[in-house]
Amino acid sequence: MATKRKPNISTKPKISEGRKVEPVVIPKTESNKSSMRSKQAAPKGIGFLFDKRNYLLMLIGIALIIIGFVVMSGGGSKDPKVFSEDIFDTQRLTVAPILILLGFAVEVVAIMLKPKQKAEA
């Protein structure tokens, strides 16, 4: 049968209450490297986030998405009791989703594209 072990408890030495220790505060000093980084990272002028090229690509992407949804619409019959095979057309099942995905891809490129930096004179 296993014997019970005595727990290892140590007592902490008591601190005398008459003596108080103040915490030491060390002031922060700026290093040359951090101040140089902040000066370089600051923009020189406030401008738009996107360039004209970005906005043009965004409009092209939105147009492709809208054209894709327009191409996908339709194909129903005028009489609800009659089934129409037009809903299974290649235009609606293949071309329209490709146009929509292409539009979203153009939108991602337009957002991620960095604007051109203006030459400083």
N, C-alpha and C. Protein backbone atom coordinates (compact mmCIF):
# COMPACT_ATOMS: atom_id res chain seq x y z
N MET A 1 0.84 -1.16 0.00
CA MET A 1 0.00 0.00 0.00
C MET A 1 0.90 1.24 0.00
N ALA A 2 0.47 2.23 -0.74
CA ALA A 2 1.28 3.44 -0.86
C ALA A 2 1.18 4.28 0.40
N THR A 3 2.30 4.88 0.75
CA THR A 3 2.30 5.74 1.93
C THR A 3 2.06 7.18 1.50
N LYS A 4 1.37 7.92 2.30
CA LYS A 4 1.09 9.32 2.00
C LYS A 4 2.33 10.14 2.25
N ARG A 5 2.60 11.04 1.28
CA ARG A 5 3.75 11.92 1.44
C ARG A 5 3.32 13.22 2.06
N LYS A 6 4.21 13.80 2.79
CA LYS A 6 3.96 15.08 3.43
C LYS A 6 4.15 16.18 2.38
N PRO A 7 3.20 17.12 2.23
CA PRO A 7 3.37 18.18 1.23
C PRO A 7 4.55 19.08 1.58
N ASN A 8 5.22 19.55 0.53
CA ASN A 8 6.38 20.42 0.69
C ASN A 8 5.89 21.85 0.81
N ILE A 9 5.69 22.32 1.99
CA ILE A 9 5.21 23.68 2.23
C ILE A 9 6.33 24.46 2.89
N SER A 10 6.67 25.55 2.27
CA SER A 10 7.70 26.39 2.87
C SER A 10 7.05 27.69 3.33
N THR A 11 7.52 28.22 4.39
CA THR A 11 6.98 29.46 4.91
C THR A 11 7.83 30.62 4.40
N LYS A 12 7.14 31.69 4.01
CA LYS A 12 7.83 32.87 3.52
C LYS A 12 8.28 33.70 4.71
N PRO A 13 9.44 34.32 4.60
CA PRO A 13 9.87 35.19 5.70
C PRO A 13 8.97 36.41 5.77
N LYS A 14 8.63 36.81 6.96
CA LYS A 14 7.76 37.95 7.15
C LYS A 14 8.53 39.23 6.92
N ILE A 15 7.87 40.17 6.20
CA ILE A 15 8.47 41.48 5.93
C ILE A 15 8.06 42.41 7.06
N SER A 16 9.03 43.13 7.54
CA SER A 16 8.72 44.04 8.63
C SER A 16 7.84 45.17 8.10
N GLU A 17 6.83 45.54 8.84
CA GLU A 17 5.88 46.54 8.40
C GLU A 17 6.41 47.95 8.52
N GLY A 18 7.45 48.19 9.24
CA GLY A 18 7.97 49.53 9.44
C GLY A 18 8.70 50.07 8.21
N ARG A 19 9.19 49.22 7.37
CA ARG A 19 9.98 49.64 6.21
C ARG A 19 9.16 49.50 4.93
N LYS A 20 8.95 50.62 4.21
CA LYS A 20 8.23 50.57 2.94
C LYS A 20 9.21 50.79 1.81
N VAL A 21 9.02 50.06 0.75
CA VAL A 21 9.90 50.17 -0.41
C VAL A 21 9.11 50.83 -1.54
N GLU A 22 9.62 51.90 -2.07
CA GLU A 22 8.98 52.61 -3.19
C GLU A 22 9.38 51.93 -4.50
N PRO A 23 8.45 51.82 -5.43
CA PRO A 23 8.81 51.24 -6.73
C PRO A 23 9.71 52.20 -7.52
N VAL A 24 10.63 51.64 -8.26
CA VAL A 24 11.55 52.44 -9.06
C VAL A 24 10.95 52.63 -10.44
N VAL A 25 10.83 53.88 -10.89
CA VAL A 25 10.28 54.18 -12.22
C VAL A 25 11.42 54.64 -13.11
N ILE A 26 11.60 53.94 -14.21
CA ILE A 26 12.65 54.30 -15.17
C ILE A 26 11.99 55.02 -16.34
N PRO A 27 12.39 56.28 -16.60
CA PRO A 27 11.77 57.02 -17.70
C PRO A 27 12.19 56.42 -19.05
N LYS A 28 11.23 56.46 -20.01
CA LYS A 28 11.52 55.94 -21.34
C LYS A 28 12.32 56.97 -22.12
N THR A 29 13.29 56.48 -22.82
CA THR A 29 14.08 57.35 -23.68
C THR A 29 13.88 56.89 -25.11
N GLU A 30 13.68 57.85 -26.01
CA GLU A 30 13.49 57.52 -27.41
C GLU A 30 14.83 57.24 -28.05
N SER A 31 14.87 56.15 -28.76
CA SER A 31 16.10 55.84 -29.48
C SER A 31 16.06 56.51 -30.85
N ASN A 32 17.19 56.65 -31.44
CA ASN A 32 17.28 57.32 -32.74
C ASN A 32 16.56 56.52 -33.82
N LYS A 33 16.58 55.21 -33.73
CA LYS A 33 15.96 54.38 -34.75
C LYS A 33 14.45 54.56 -34.77
N SER A 34 13.80 54.57 -33.61
CA SER A 34 12.36 54.69 -33.58
C SER A 34 11.90 56.07 -34.05
N SER A 35 12.66 57.11 -33.74
CA SER A 35 12.26 58.43 -34.19
C SER A 35 12.46 58.58 -35.69
N MET A 36 13.45 57.90 -36.25
CA MET A 36 13.67 57.95 -37.69
C MET A 36 12.55 57.22 -38.42
N ARG A 37 12.08 56.11 -37.87
CA ARG A 37 11.01 55.35 -38.50
C ARG A 37 9.71 56.15 -38.53
N SER A 38 9.40 56.83 -37.44
CA SER A 38 8.16 57.57 -37.39
C SER A 38 8.18 58.74 -38.36
N LYS A 39 9.35 59.33 -38.57
CA LYS A 39 9.43 60.44 -39.53
C LYS A 39 9.27 59.94 -40.96
N GLN A 40 9.79 58.76 -41.26
CA GLN A 40 9.69 58.23 -42.61
C GLN A 40 8.28 57.72 -42.90
N ALA A 41 7.60 57.19 -41.90
CA ALA A 41 6.30 56.60 -42.11
C ALA A 41 5.21 57.65 -42.26
N ALA A 42 5.44 58.87 -41.81
CA ALA A 42 4.43 59.90 -41.87
C ALA A 42 4.22 60.35 -43.31
N PRO A 43 2.96 60.40 -43.77
CA PRO A 43 2.71 60.84 -45.14
C PRO A 43 2.97 62.34 -45.28
N LYS A 44 3.44 62.73 -46.46
CA LYS A 44 3.74 64.14 -46.68
C LYS A 44 2.50 64.95 -47.00
N GLY A 45 1.54 64.33 -47.70
CA GLY A 45 0.32 65.04 -48.03
C GLY A 45 -0.87 64.11 -47.89
N ILE A 46 -2.00 64.69 -47.58
CA ILE A 46 -3.20 63.87 -47.45
C ILE A 46 -3.84 63.79 -48.82
N GLY A 47 -4.06 62.57 -49.28
CA GLY A 47 -4.66 62.36 -50.59
C GLY A 47 -5.67 61.23 -50.52
N PHE A 48 -6.14 60.84 -51.68
CA PHE A 48 -7.11 59.76 -51.75
C PHE A 48 -6.41 58.42 -51.56
N LEU A 49 -7.15 57.46 -51.09
CA LEU A 49 -6.61 56.13 -50.87
C LEU A 49 -6.36 55.42 -52.19
N PHE A 50 -7.27 55.61 -53.15
CA PHE A 50 -7.15 54.97 -54.45
C PHE A 50 -6.84 56.00 -55.53
N ASP A 51 -6.28 55.49 -56.60
CA ASP A 51 -5.93 56.32 -57.75
C ASP A 51 -7.08 56.23 -58.77
N LYS A 52 -6.98 57.01 -59.84
CA LYS A 52 -7.99 56.99 -60.89
C LYS A 52 -8.07 55.60 -61.52
N ARG A 53 -6.93 54.94 -61.64
CA ARG A 53 -6.86 53.60 -62.23
C ARG A 53 -7.64 52.60 -61.36
N ASN A 54 -7.54 52.73 -60.04
CA ASN A 54 -8.26 51.83 -59.13
C ASN A 54 -9.78 52.00 -59.29
N TYR A 55 -10.23 53.25 -59.34
CA TYR A 55 -11.66 53.50 -59.48
C TYR A 55 -12.17 53.00 -60.84
N LEU A 56 -11.38 53.14 -61.89
CA LEU A 56 -11.78 52.65 -63.19
C LEU A 56 -11.92 51.13 -63.18
N LEU A 57 -10.97 50.44 -62.55
CA LEU A 57 -11.05 48.98 -62.44
C LEU A 57 -12.26 48.56 -61.60
N MET A 58 -12.58 49.32 -60.57
CA MET A 58 -13.76 49.00 -59.76
C MET A 58 -15.04 49.12 -60.58
N LEU A 59 -15.12 50.16 -61.40
CA LEU A 59 -16.31 50.32 -62.24
C LEU A 59 -16.41 49.19 -63.27
N ILE A 60 -15.28 48.78 -63.83
CA ILE A 60 -15.29 47.66 -64.79
C ILE A 60 -15.75 46.38 -64.09
N GLY A 61 -15.27 46.14 -62.88
CA GLY A 61 -15.68 44.95 -62.13
C GLY A 61 -17.17 44.96 -61.81
N ILE A 62 -17.70 46.11 -61.40
CA ILE A 62 -19.13 46.21 -61.10
C ILE A 62 -19.94 45.99 -62.37
N ALA A 63 -19.47 46.53 -63.51
CA ALA A 63 -20.17 46.33 -64.78
C ALA A 63 -20.19 44.85 -65.17
N LEU A 64 -19.06 44.15 -64.96
CA LEU A 64 -19.03 42.72 -65.28
C LEU A 64 -19.99 41.92 -64.40
N ILE A 65 -20.08 42.27 -63.14
CA ILE A 65 -21.00 41.58 -62.23
C ILE A 65 -22.45 41.82 -62.66
N ILE A 66 -22.78 43.05 -63.00
CA ILE A 66 -24.15 43.38 -63.42
C ILE A 66 -24.49 42.67 -64.73
N ILE A 67 -23.56 42.67 -65.69
CA ILE A 67 -23.79 41.98 -66.96
C ILE A 67 -23.99 40.48 -66.71
N GLY A 68 -23.22 39.91 -65.80
CA GLY A 68 -23.38 38.49 -65.48
C GLY A 68 -24.75 38.17 -64.92
N PHE A 69 -25.27 39.02 -64.04
CA PHE A 69 -26.60 38.77 -63.49
C PHE A 69 -27.69 38.98 -64.54
N VAL A 70 -27.50 39.94 -65.44
CA VAL A 70 -28.48 40.16 -66.51
C VAL A 70 -28.50 38.96 -67.45
N VAL A 71 -27.33 38.44 -67.79
CA VAL A 71 -27.26 37.27 -68.67
C VAL A 71 -27.89 36.06 -68.00
N MET A 72 -27.75 35.95 -66.67
CA MET A 72 -28.30 34.81 -65.95
C MET A 72 -29.82 34.88 -65.84
N SER A 73 -30.41 36.05 -65.89
CA SER A 73 -31.85 36.17 -65.70
C SER A 73 -32.61 35.69 -66.92
N GLY A 74 -33.89 35.49 -66.74
CA GLY A 74 -34.75 35.06 -67.85
C GLY A 74 -34.81 33.56 -67.96
N GLY A 75 -35.39 33.10 -69.06
CA GLY A 75 -35.47 31.67 -69.32
C GLY A 75 -36.74 31.02 -68.82
N GLY A 76 -37.60 31.77 -68.20
CA GLY A 76 -38.85 31.20 -67.72
C GLY A 76 -39.91 31.22 -68.81
N SER A 77 -40.94 30.42 -68.63
CA SER A 77 -42.02 30.41 -69.62
C SER A 77 -43.13 31.35 -69.16
N LYS A 78 -43.94 31.75 -70.09
CA LYS A 78 -45.03 32.68 -69.75
C LYS A 78 -46.17 31.94 -69.04
N ASP A 79 -46.31 30.66 -69.32
CA ASP A 79 -47.34 29.85 -68.67
C ASP A 79 -46.67 29.02 -67.57
N PRO A 80 -47.05 29.20 -66.29
CA PRO A 80 -46.38 28.47 -65.21
C PRO A 80 -46.60 26.95 -65.25
N LYS A 81 -47.60 26.48 -66.02
CA LYS A 81 -47.87 25.05 -66.10
C LYS A 81 -47.00 24.36 -67.16
N VAL A 82 -46.34 25.15 -68.00
CA VAL A 82 -45.52 24.59 -69.07
C VAL A 82 -44.05 24.73 -68.69
N PHE A 83 -43.30 23.62 -68.77
CA PHE A 83 -41.87 23.64 -68.45
C PHE A 83 -41.09 24.12 -69.65
N SER A 84 -40.11 24.99 -69.41
CA SER A 84 -39.27 25.51 -70.48
C SER A 84 -37.85 25.02 -70.31
N GLU A 85 -37.25 24.53 -71.39
CA GLU A 85 -35.87 24.05 -71.36
C GLU A 85 -34.85 25.19 -71.41
N ASP A 86 -35.30 26.42 -71.56
CA ASP A 86 -34.39 27.56 -71.68
C ASP A 86 -33.60 27.84 -70.40
N ILE A 87 -34.06 27.33 -69.27
CA ILE A 87 -33.33 27.59 -68.02
C ILE A 87 -32.02 26.81 -67.96
N PHE A 88 -31.90 25.77 -68.78
CA PHE A 88 -30.67 24.97 -68.79
C PHE A 88 -29.75 25.35 -69.95
N ASP A 89 -29.85 26.56 -70.41
CA ASP A 89 -29.03 27.04 -71.52
C ASP A 89 -27.58 27.24 -71.06
N THR A 90 -26.63 27.10 -71.97
CA THR A 90 -25.21 27.30 -71.66
C THR A 90 -24.94 28.73 -71.19
N GLN A 91 -25.70 29.64 -71.75
CA GLN A 91 -25.53 31.05 -71.38
C GLN A 91 -25.79 31.27 -69.89
N ARG A 92 -26.80 30.61 -69.34
CA ARG A 92 -27.14 30.81 -67.94
C ARG A 92 -26.32 29.94 -66.99
N LEU A 93 -25.92 28.77 -67.45
CA LEU A 93 -25.20 27.86 -66.56
C LEU A 93 -23.69 28.05 -66.59
N THR A 94 -23.14 28.60 -67.66
CA THR A 94 -21.68 28.69 -67.77
C THR A 94 -21.19 30.12 -67.93
N VAL A 95 -21.73 30.82 -68.91
CA VAL A 95 -21.22 32.16 -69.25
C VAL A 95 -21.49 33.16 -68.13
N ALA A 96 -22.70 33.17 -67.59
CA ALA A 96 -23.05 34.14 -66.55
C ALA A 96 -22.22 33.97 -65.28
N PRO A 97 -22.07 32.76 -64.74
CA PRO A 97 -21.22 32.63 -63.54
C PRO A 97 -19.76 33.00 -63.80
N ILE A 98 -19.26 32.71 -65.00
CA ILE A 98 -17.88 33.10 -65.32
C ILE A 98 -17.76 34.62 -65.33
N LEU A 99 -18.74 35.31 -65.90
CA LEU A 99 -18.70 36.79 -65.90
C LEU A 99 -18.76 37.34 -64.48
N ILE A 100 -19.58 36.76 -63.63
CA ILE A 100 -19.70 37.24 -62.25
C ILE A 100 -18.40 37.02 -61.48
N LEU A 101 -17.81 35.83 -61.60
CA LEU A 101 -16.54 35.56 -60.92
C LEU A 101 -15.42 36.44 -61.46
N LEU A 102 -15.42 36.68 -62.75
CA LEU A 102 -14.42 37.58 -63.34
C LEU A 102 -14.59 39.00 -62.80
N GLY A 103 -15.84 39.43 -62.62
CA GLY A 103 -16.09 40.76 -62.04
C GLY A 103 -15.58 40.87 -60.62
N PHE A 104 -15.79 39.82 -59.82
CA PHE A 104 -15.27 39.84 -58.44
C PHE A 104 -13.74 39.81 -58.42
N ALA A 105 -13.14 39.08 -59.35
CA ALA A 105 -11.67 39.05 -59.42
C ALA A 105 -11.12 40.42 -59.78
N VAL A 106 -11.78 41.11 -60.69
CA VAL A 106 -11.35 42.47 -61.06
C VAL A 106 -11.50 43.41 -59.87
N GLU A 107 -12.55 43.22 -59.08
CA GLU A 107 -12.75 44.05 -57.89
C GLU A 107 -11.61 43.84 -56.88
N VAL A 108 -11.21 42.60 -56.67
CA VAL A 108 -10.13 42.32 -55.73
C VAL A 108 -8.83 42.95 -56.22
N VAL A 109 -8.56 42.83 -57.52
CA VAL A 109 -7.35 43.44 -58.08
C VAL A 109 -7.40 44.95 -57.93
N ALA A 110 -8.57 45.55 -58.16
CA ALA A 110 -8.70 47.00 -58.06
C ALA A 110 -8.46 47.48 -56.63
N ILE A 111 -8.87 46.70 -55.65
CA ILE A 111 -8.67 47.10 -54.25
C ILE A 111 -7.21 46.90 -53.84
N MET A 112 -6.60 45.81 -54.27
CA MET A 112 -5.25 45.48 -53.83
C MET A 112 -4.16 46.24 -54.59
N LEU A 113 -4.48 46.80 -55.74
CA LEU A 113 -3.49 47.49 -56.57
C LEU A 113 -3.05 48.78 -55.90
N LYS A 114 -1.75 48.95 -55.77
CA LYS A 114 -1.23 50.17 -55.13
C LYS A 114 -1.28 51.32 -56.13
N PRO A 115 -1.66 52.51 -55.67
CA PRO A 115 -1.65 53.66 -56.57
C PRO A 115 -0.22 54.07 -56.90
N LYS A 116 -0.05 54.62 -58.08
CA LYS A 116 1.28 55.07 -58.50
C LYS A 116 1.72 56.25 -57.66
N GLN A 117 3.02 56.25 -57.31
CA GLN A 117 3.57 57.37 -56.54
C GLN A 117 3.90 58.51 -57.48
N LYS A 118 3.53 59.71 -57.09
CA LYS A 118 3.83 60.89 -57.90
C LYS A 118 5.31 61.24 -57.74
N ALA A 119 5.93 61.64 -58.83
CA ALA A 119 7.35 62.01 -58.80
C ALA A 119 7.49 63.36 -58.10
N GLU A 120 8.39 63.42 -57.15
CA GLU A 120 8.62 64.67 -56.42
C GLU A 120 9.58 65.54 -57.20
N ALA A 121 9.22 66.80 -57.38
CA ALA A 121 10.08 67.72 -58.14
C ALA A 121 10.83 68.63 -57.23
